[in-house]
Amino acid sequence: MSASIRKPLAATGGIFSALLSAYLGYKYTVFSVDAGHRAIKFNKLKGILPTVYKEGWHLMIPWFERPIIYDVRTHPQIFKSQ
């Protein structure tokens, strides 16, 4: 390849790798807790961490932590009487 082709290919490869690393960084380090749910984090070194996470976006360390998300909404119970 000539030098005139290598520079645009290197720039394109650099942009592609930056976008890929940004996407993977977002995908594996951010978790979302929906409305009506709560989450705790399980850490492979310390076990279950004491913090309860409310709705929103939260950060975690990939491979070491994973979120456990619970549904805490109230659900109606219907009791039939005779």
PDB file of N, CA and C in Angstrom:
ATOM      1  N   MET A   1       0.833  -1.175   0.000  1.00  0.00           N
ATOM      2  CA  MET A   1       0.000   0.000   0.000  1.00  0.00           C
ATOM      3  C   MET A   1       0.876   1.236   0.000  1.00  0.00           C
ATOM      4  N   SER A   2       0.373   2.226  -0.645  1.00  0.00           N
ATOM      5  CA  SER A   2       1.135   3.463  -0.674  1.00  0.00           C
ATOM      6  C   SER A   2       0.854   4.266   0.600  1.00  0.00           C
ATOM      7  N   ALA A   3       1.699   5.231   0.860  1.00  0.00           N
ATOM      8  CA  ALA A   3       1.575   6.047   2.070  1.00  0.00           C
ATOM      9  C   ALA A   3       0.321   6.902   2.043  1.00  0.00           C
ATOM     10  N   SER A   4      -0.180   7.236   0.847  1.00  0.00           N
ATOM     11  CA  SER A   4      -1.379   8.071   0.764  1.00  0.00           C
ATOM     12  C   SER A   4      -2.635   7.302   1.202  1.00  0.00           C
ATOM     13  N   ILE A   5      -2.613   5.983   1.130  1.00  0.00           N
ATOM     14  CA  ILE A   5      -3.762   5.181   1.551  1.00  0.00           C
ATOM     15  C   ILE A   5      -3.648   4.802   3.026  1.00  0.00           C
ATOM     16  N   ARG A   6      -2.443   4.635   3.541  1.00  0.00           N
ATOM     17  CA  ARG A   6      -2.247   4.190   4.920  1.00  0.00           C
ATOM     18  C   ARG A   6      -2.749   5.202   5.947  1.00  0.00           C
ATOM     19  N   LYS A   7      -2.554   6.481   5.691  1.00  0.00           N
ATOM     20  CA  LYS A   7      -2.974   7.495   6.663  1.00  0.00           C
ATOM     21  C   LYS A   7      -4.493   7.511   6.861  1.00  0.00           C
ATOM     22  N   PRO A   8      -5.314   7.522   5.809  1.00  0.00           N
ATOM     23  CA  PRO A   8      -6.765   7.478   6.046  1.00  0.00           C
ATOM     24  C   PRO A   8      -7.216   6.168   6.693  1.00  0.00           C
ATOM     25  N   LEU A   9      -6.576   5.052   6.326  1.00  0.00           N
ATOM     26  CA  LEU A   9      -6.934   3.783   6.949  1.00  0.00           C
ATOM     27  C   LEU A   9      -6.582   3.769   8.428  1.00  0.00           C
ATOM     28  N   ALA A  10      -5.444   4.336   8.787  1.00  0.00           N
ATOM     29  CA  ALA A  10      -5.045   4.408  10.188  1.00  0.00           C
ATOM     30  C   ALA A  10      -5.988   5.309  10.970  1.00  0.00           C
ATOM     31  N   ALA A  11      -6.405   6.422  10.370  1.00  0.00           N
ATOM     32  CA  ALA A  11      -7.338   7.323  11.046  1.00  0.00           C
ATOM     33  C   ALA A  11      -8.696   6.653  11.223  1.00  0.00           C
ATOM     34  N   THR A  12      -9.157   5.939  10.193  1.00  0.00           N
ATOM     35  CA  THR A  12     -10.435   5.233  10.277  1.00  0.00           C
ATOM     36  C   THR A  12     -10.372   4.126  11.324  1.00  0.00           C
ATOM     37  N   GLY A  13      -9.269   3.411  11.360  1.00  0.00           N
ATOM     38  CA  GLY A  13      -9.101   2.360  12.358  1.00  0.00           C
ATOM     39  C   GLY A  13      -9.052   2.927  13.767  1.00  0.00           C
ATOM     40  N   GLY A  14      -8.427   4.074  13.930  1.00  0.00           N
ATOM     41  CA  GLY A  14      -8.372   4.715  15.238  1.00  0.00           C
ATOM     42  C   GLY A  14      -9.740   5.179  15.705  1.00  0.00           C
ATOM     43  N   ILE A  15     -10.517   5.744  14.779  1.00  0.00           N
ATOM     44  CA  ILE A  15     -11.872   6.191  15.127  1.00  0.00           C
ATOM     45  C   ILE A  15     -12.751   4.991  15.464  1.00  0.00           C
ATOM     46  N   PHE A  16     -12.638   3.929  14.668  1.00  0.00           N
ATOM     47  CA  PHE A  16     -13.426   2.722  14.905  1.00  0.00           C
ATOM     48  C   PHE A  16     -13.079   2.103  16.259  1.00  0.00           C
ATOM     49  N   SER A  17     -11.806   2.005  16.573  1.00  0.00           N
ATOM     50  CA  SER A  17     -11.416   1.405  17.853  1.00  0.00           C
ATOM     51  C   SER A  17     -11.841   2.282  19.034  1.00  0.00           C
ATOM     52  N   ALA A  18     -11.822   3.592  18.875  1.00  0.00           N
ATOM     53  CA  ALA A  18     -12.287   4.486  19.946  1.00  0.00           C
ATOM     54  C   ALA A  18     -13.784   4.329  20.165  1.00  0.00           C
ATOM     55  N   LEU A  19     -14.562   4.249  19.079  1.00  0.00           N
ATOM     56  CA  LEU A  19     -16.003   4.049  19.212  1.00  0.00           C
ATOM     57  C   LEU A  19     -16.337   2.683  19.805  1.00  0.00           C
ATOM     58  N   LEU A  20     -15.607   1.658  19.400  1.00  0.00           N
ATOM     59  CA  LEU A  20     -15.836   0.317  19.935  1.00  0.00           C
ATOM     60  C   LEU A  20     -15.512   0.251  21.421  1.00  0.00           C
ATOM     61  N   SER A  21     -14.415   0.852  21.830  1.00  0.00           N
ATOM     62  CA  SER A  21     -14.059   0.829  23.253  1.00  0.00           C
ATOM     63  C   SER A  21     -15.041   1.658  24.083  1.00  0.00           C
ATOM     64  N   ALA A  22     -15.550   2.758  23.546  1.00  0.00           N
ATOM     65  CA  ALA A  22     -16.552   3.559  24.257  1.00  0.00           C
ATOM     66  C   ALA A  22     -17.852   2.776  24.412  1.00  0.00           C
ATOM     67  N   TYR A  23     -18.272   2.070  23.372  1.00  0.00           N
ATOM     68  CA  TYR A  23     -19.488   1.265  23.440  1.00  0.00           C
ATOM     69  C   TYR A  23     -19.340   0.132  24.446  1.00  0.00           C
ATOM     70  N   LEU A  24     -18.244  -0.595  24.375  1.00  0.00           N
ATOM     71  CA  LEU A  24     -18.041  -1.704  25.302  1.00  0.00           C
ATOM     72  C   LEU A  24     -17.872  -1.210  26.731  1.00  0.00           C
ATOM     73  N   GLY A  25     -17.238  -0.061  26.900  1.00  0.00           N
ATOM     74  CA  GLY A  25     -17.115   0.521  28.231  1.00  0.00           C
ATOM     75  C   GLY A  25     -18.468   0.874  28.803  1.00  0.00           C
ATOM     76  N   TYR A  26     -19.355   1.409  27.989  1.00  0.00           N
ATOM     77  CA  TYR A  26     -20.710   1.735  28.443  1.00  0.00           C
ATOM     78  C   TYR A  26     -21.502   0.472  28.736  1.00  0.00           C
ATOM     79  N   LYS A  27     -21.412  -0.502  27.839  1.00  0.00           N
ATOM     80  CA  LYS A  27     -22.234  -1.704  27.958  1.00  0.00           C
ATOM     81  C   LYS A  27     -21.898  -2.510  29.202  1.00  0.00           C
ATOM     82  N   TYR A  28     -20.635  -2.592  29.561  1.00  0.00           N
ATOM     83  CA  TYR A  28     -20.232  -3.459  30.657  1.00  0.00           C
ATOM     84  C   TYR A  28     -19.943  -2.729  31.962  1.00  0.00           C
ATOM     85  N   THR A  29     -20.060  -1.408  32.023  1.00  0.00           N
ATOM     86  CA  THR A  29     -19.803  -0.699  33.272  1.00  0.00           C
ATOM     87  C   THR A  29     -21.007   0.075  33.789  1.00  0.00           C
ATOM     88  N   VAL A  30     -22.075   0.182  33.014  1.00  0.00           N
ATOM     89  CA  VAL A  30     -23.255   0.938  33.431  1.00  0.00           C
ATOM     90  C   VAL A  30     -24.441  -0.020  33.484  1.00  0.00           C
ATOM     91  N   PHE A  31     -25.203   0.048  34.572  1.00  0.00           N
ATOM     92  CA  PHE A  31     -26.447  -0.703  34.627  1.00  0.00           C
ATOM     93  C   PHE A  31     -27.582   0.236  35.001  1.00  0.00           C
ATOM     94  N   SER A  32     -28.768  -0.082  34.525  1.00  0.00           N
ATOM     95  CA  SER A  32     -29.925   0.777  34.710  1.00  0.00           C
ATOM     96  C   SER A  32     -30.926   0.095  35.632  1.00  0.00           C
ATOM     97  N   VAL A  33     -31.448   0.874  36.573  1.00  0.00           N
ATOM     98  CA  VAL A  33     -32.507   0.400  37.460  1.00  0.00           C
ATOM     99  C   VAL A  33     -33.780   1.154  37.076  1.00  0.00           C
ATOM    100  N   ASP A  34     -34.801   0.423  36.692  1.00  0.00           N
ATOM    101  CA  ASP A  34     -36.058   1.025  36.257  1.00  0.00           C
ATOM    102  C   ASP A  34     -36.886   1.497  37.444  1.00  0.00           C
ATOM    103  N   ALA A  35     -37.909   2.285  37.154  1.00  0.00           N
ATOM    104  CA  ALA A  35     -38.818   2.761  38.196  1.00  0.00           C
ATOM    105  C   ALA A  35     -39.550   1.575  38.806  1.00  0.00           C
ATOM    106  N   GLY A  36     -39.687   1.577  40.115  1.00  0.00           N
ATOM    107  CA  GLY A  36     -40.347   0.479  40.808  1.00  0.00           C
ATOM    108  C   GLY A  36     -39.431  -0.686  41.101  1.00  0.00           C
ATOM    109  N   HIS A  37     -38.159  -0.528  40.850  1.00  0.00           N
ATOM    110  CA  HIS A  37     -37.186  -1.574  41.107  1.00  0.00           C
ATOM    111  C   HIS A  37     -36.080  -1.031  42.014  1.00  0.00           C
ATOM    112  N   ARG A  38     -35.379  -1.907  42.663  1.00  0.00           N
ATOM    113  CA  ARG A  38     -34.193  -1.571  43.446  1.00  0.00           C
ATOM    114  C   ARG A  38     -33.118  -2.582  43.077  1.00  0.00           C
ATOM    115  N   ALA A  39     -31.874  -2.213  43.317  1.00  0.00           N
ATOM    116  CA  ALA A  39     -30.779  -3.108  42.961  1.00  0.00           C
ATOM    117  C   ALA A  39     -29.739  -3.125  44.072  1.00  0.00           C
ATOM    118  N   ILE A  40     -29.051  -4.250  44.174  1.00  0.00           N
ATOM    119  CA  ILE A  40     -27.869  -4.372  45.012  1.00  0.00           C
ATOM    120  C   ILE A  40     -26.769  -4.907  44.111  1.00  0.00           C
ATOM    121  N   LYS A  41     -25.529  -4.751  44.545  1.00  0.00           N
ATOM    122  CA  LYS A  41     -24.420  -5.258  43.744  1.00  0.00           C
ATOM    123  C   LYS A  41     -23.764  -6.434  44.463  1.00  0.00           C
ATOM    124  N   PHE A  42     -23.464  -7.473  43.698  1.00  0.00           N
ATOM    125  CA  PHE A  42     -22.704  -8.600  44.208  1.00  0.00           C
ATOM    126  C   PHE A  42     -21.271  -8.438  43.738  1.00  0.00           C
ATOM    127  N   ASN A  43     -20.336  -8.404  44.688  1.00  0.00           N
ATOM    128  CA  ASN A  43     -18.914  -8.272  44.392  1.00  0.00           C
ATOM    129  C   ASN A  43     -18.262  -9.632  44.600  1.00  0.00           C
ATOM    130  N   LYS A  44     -17.443 -10.077  43.661  1.00  0.00           N
ATOM    131  CA  LYS A  44     -16.826 -11.394  43.759  1.00  0.00           C
ATOM    132  C   LYS A  44     -15.812 -11.489  44.890  1.00  0.00           C
ATOM    133  N   LEU A  45     -15.304 -10.360  45.364  1.00  0.00           N
ATOM    134  CA  LEU A  45     -14.328 -10.377  46.448  1.00  0.00           C
ATOM    135  C   LEU A  45     -14.969 -10.168  47.818  1.00  0.00           C
ATOM    136  N   LYS A  46     -15.962  -9.277  47.911  1.00  0.00           N
ATOM    137  CA  LYS A  46     -16.562  -8.905  49.193  1.00  0.00           C
ATOM    138  C   LYS A  46     -17.939  -9.506  49.430  1.00  0.00           C
ATOM    139  N   GLY A  47     -18.571 -10.057  48.409  1.00  0.00           N
ATOM    140  CA  GLY A  47     -19.931 -10.564  48.557  1.00  0.00           C
ATOM    141  C   GLY A  47     -20.943  -9.482  48.225  1.00  0.00           C
ATOM    142  N   ILE A  48     -22.101  -9.551  48.877  1.00  0.00           N
ATOM    143  CA  ILE A  48     -23.157  -8.575  48.618  1.00  0.00           C
ATOM    144  C   ILE A  48     -22.809  -7.270  49.320  1.00  0.00           C
ATOM    145  N   LEU A  49     -22.814  -6.181  48.570  1.00  0.00           N
ATOM    146  CA  LEU A  49     -22.496  -4.869  49.134  1.00  0.00           C
ATOM    147  C   LEU A  49     -23.736  -4.274  49.798  1.00  0.00           C
ATOM    148  N   PRO A  50     -23.585  -3.470  50.863  1.00  0.00           N
ATOM    149  CA  PRO A  50     -24.742  -3.000  51.632  1.00  0.00           C
ATOM    150  C   PRO A  50     -25.564  -1.884  50.971  1.00  0.00           C
ATOM    151  N   THR A  51     -25.087  -1.281  49.925  1.00  0.00           N
ATOM    152  CA  THR A  51     -25.791  -0.166  49.302  1.00  0.00           C
ATOM    153  C   THR A  51     -26.964  -0.654  48.460  1.00  0.00           C
ATOM    154  N   VAL A  52     -28.121  -0.004  48.617  1.00  0.00           N
ATOM    155  CA  VAL A  52     -29.293  -0.287  47.794  1.00  0.00           C
ATOM    156  C   VAL A  52     -29.410   0.841  46.780  1.00  0.00           C
ATOM    157  N   TYR A  53     -29.484   0.495  45.508  1.00  0.00           N
ATOM    158  CA  TYR A  53     -29.512   1.476  44.434  1.00  0.00           C
ATOM    159  C   TYR A  53     -30.936   1.696  43.963  1.00  0.00           C
ATOM    160  N   LYS A  54     -31.349   2.968  43.906  1.00  0.00           N
ATOM    161  CA  LYS A  54     -32.678   3.330  43.435  1.00  0.00           C
ATOM    162  C   LYS A  54     -32.648   3.480  41.922  1.00  0.00           C
ATOM    163  N   GLU A  55     -33.739   3.944  41.345  1.00  0.00           N
ATOM    164  CA  GLU A  55     -33.829   4.040  39.895  1.00  0.00           C
ATOM    165  C   GLU A  55     -32.788   5.011  39.334  1.00  0.00           C
ATOM    166  N   GLY A  56     -32.328   4.699  38.156  1.00  0.00           N
ATOM    167  CA  GLY A  56     -31.326   5.525  37.488  1.00  0.00           C
ATOM    168  C   GLY A  56     -30.195   4.672  36.928  1.00  0.00           C
ATOM    169  N   TRP A  57     -29.148   5.340  36.493  1.00  0.00           N
ATOM    170  CA  TRP A  57     -27.972   4.662  35.947  1.00  0.00           C
ATOM    171  C   TRP A  57     -26.891   4.625  37.008  1.00  0.00           C
ATOM    172  N   HIS A  58     -26.229   3.492  37.124  1.00  0.00           N
ATOM    173  CA  HIS A  58     -25.200   3.315  38.131  1.00  0.00           C
ATOM    174  C   HIS A  58     -23.996   2.611  37.503  1.00  0.00           C
ATOM    175  N   LEU A  59     -22.841   2.791  38.114  1.00  0.00           N
ATOM    176  CA  LEU A  59     -21.610   2.203  37.594  1.00  0.00           C
ATOM    177  C   LEU A  59     -21.248   0.929  38.352  1.00  0.00           C
ATOM    178  N   MET A  60     -20.588   0.034  37.655  1.00  0.00           N
ATOM    179  CA  MET A  60     -20.064  -1.181  38.270  1.00  0.00           C
ATOM    180  C   MET A  60     -18.731  -1.521  37.626  1.00  0.00           C
ATOM    181  N   ILE A  61     -17.955  -2.324  38.299  1.00  0.00           N
ATOM    182  CA  ILE A  61     -16.665  -2.772  37.775  1.00  0.00           C
ATOM    183  C   ILE A  61     -16.909  -4.085  37.027  1.00  0.00           C
ATOM    184  N   PRO A  62     -16.618  -4.131  35.735  1.00  0.00           N
ATOM    185  CA  PRO A  62     -16.869  -5.366  34.984  1.00  0.00           C
ATOM    186  C   PRO A  62     -16.087  -6.541  35.577  1.00  0.00           C
ATOM    187  N   TRP A  63     -16.670  -7.708  35.508  1.00  0.00           N
ATOM    188  CA  TRP A  63     -16.172  -8.985  35.973  1.00  0.00           C
ATOM    189  C   TRP A  63     -16.174  -9.094  37.497  1.00  0.00           C
ATOM    190  N   PHE A  64     -15.903  -8.034  38.251  1.00  0.00           N
ATOM    191  CA  PHE A  64     -15.884  -8.097  39.709  1.00  0.00           C
ATOM    192  C   PHE A  64     -17.266  -7.900  40.321  1.00  0.00           C
ATOM    193  N   GLU A  65     -18.118  -7.132  39.669  1.00  0.00           N
ATOM    194  CA  GLU A  65     -19.427  -6.824  40.225  1.00  0.00           C
ATOM    195  C   GLU A  65     -20.527  -7.113  39.216  1.00  0.00           C
ATOM    196  N   ARG A  66     -21.694  -7.490  39.742  1.00  0.00           N
ATOM    197  CA  ARG A  66     -22.870  -7.632  38.885  1.00  0.00           C
ATOM    198  C   ARG A  66     -24.082  -7.178  39.678  1.00  0.00           C
ATOM    199  N   PRO A  67     -25.028  -6.520  39.018  1.00  0.00           N
ATOM    200  CA  PRO A  67     -26.220  -6.037  39.729  1.00  0.00           C
ATOM    201  C   PRO A  67     -27.255  -7.149  39.890  1.00  0.00           C
ATOM    202  N   ILE A  68     -27.963  -7.106  41.009  1.00  0.00           N
ATOM    203  CA  ILE A  68     -29.112  -7.977  41.248  1.00  0.00           C
ATOM    204  C   ILE A  68     -30.298  -7.027  41.419  1.00  0.00           C
ATOM    205  N   ILE A  69     -31.242  -7.092  40.492  1.00  0.00           N
ATOM    206  CA  ILE A  69     -32.340  -6.124  40.444  1.00  0.00           C
ATOM    207  C   ILE A  69     -33.630  -6.804  40.917  1.00  0.00           C
ATOM    208  N   TYR A  70     -34.325  -6.132  41.856  1.00  0.00           N
ATOM    209  CA  TYR A  70     -35.558  -6.645  42.425  1.00  0.00           C
ATOM    210  C   TYR A  70     -36.729  -5.739  42.069  1.00  0.00           C
ATOM    211  N   ASP A  71     -37.903  -6.354  41.897  1.00  0.00           N
ATOM    212  CA  ASP A  71     -39.137  -5.609  41.675  1.00  0.00           C
ATOM    213  C   ASP A  71     -39.759  -5.344  43.044  1.00  0.00           C
ATOM    214  N   VAL A  72     -39.898  -4.073  43.429  1.00  0.00           N
ATOM    215  CA  VAL A  72     -40.439  -3.729  44.752  1.00  0.00           C
ATOM    216  C   VAL A  72     -41.788  -3.026  44.647  1.00  0.00           C
ATOM    217  N   ARG A  73     -42.434  -3.099  43.500  1.00  0.00           N
ATOM    218  CA  ARG A  73     -43.751  -2.475  43.351  1.00  0.00           C
ATOM    219  C   ARG A  73     -44.797  -3.264  44.132  1.00  0.00           C
ATOM    220  N   THR A  74     -45.817  -2.572  44.570  1.00  0.00           N
ATOM    221  CA  THR A  74     -46.917  -3.263  45.242  1.00  0.00           C
ATOM    222  C   THR A  74     -47.864  -3.805  44.181  1.00  0.00           C
ATOM    223  N   HIS A  75     -48.355  -5.004  44.416  1.00  0.00           N
ATOM    224  CA  HIS A  75     -49.268  -5.653  43.491  1.00  0.00           C
ATOM    225  C   HIS A  75     -50.582  -5.913  44.209  1.00  0.00           C
ATOM    226  N   PRO A  76     -51.714  -5.638  43.567  1.00  0.00           N
ATOM    227  CA  PRO A  76     -52.997  -5.871  44.232  1.00  0.00           C
ATOM    228  C   PRO A  76     -53.260  -7.365  44.419  1.00  0.00           C
ATOM    229  N   GLN A  77     -53.848  -7.687  45.543  1.00  0.00           N
ATOM    230  CA  GLN A  77     -54.238  -9.075  45.839  1.00  0.00           C
ATOM    231  C   GLN A  77     -55.763  -9.125  45.877  1.00  0.00           C
ATOM    232  N   ILE A  78     -56.355 -10.038  45.181  1.00  0.00           N
ATOM    233  CA  ILE A  78     -57.806 -10.173  45.148  1.00  0.00           C
ATOM    234  C   ILE A  78     -58.175 -11.453  45.909  1.00  0.00           C
ATOM    235  N   PHE A  79     -58.967 -11.285  46.948  1.00  0.00           N
ATOM    236  CA  PHE A  79     -59.446 -12.420  47.741  1.00  0.00           C
ATOM    237  C   PHE A  79     -60.941 -12.594  47.475  1.00  0.00           C
ATOM    238  N   LYS A  80     -61.329 -13.761  47.062  1.00  0.00           N
ATOM    239  CA  LYS A  80     -62.735 -14.039  46.798  1.00  0.00           C
ATOM    240  C   LYS A  80     -63.368 -14.594  48.068  1.00  0.00           C
ATOM    241  N   SER A  81     -64.545 -14.089  48.349  1.00  0.00           N
ATOM    242  CA  SER A  81     -65.298 -14.605  49.486  1.00  0.00           C
ATOM    243  C   SER A  81     -66.583 -15.240  48.962  1.00  0.00           C
ATOM    244  N   GLN A  82     -67.096 -16.148  49.740  1.00  0.00           N
ATOM    245  CA  GLN A  82     -68.306 -16.836  49.265  1.00  0.00           C
ATOM    246  C   GLN A  82     -69.544 -16.267  49.838  1.00  0.00           C
TER     247      GLN A  82
END
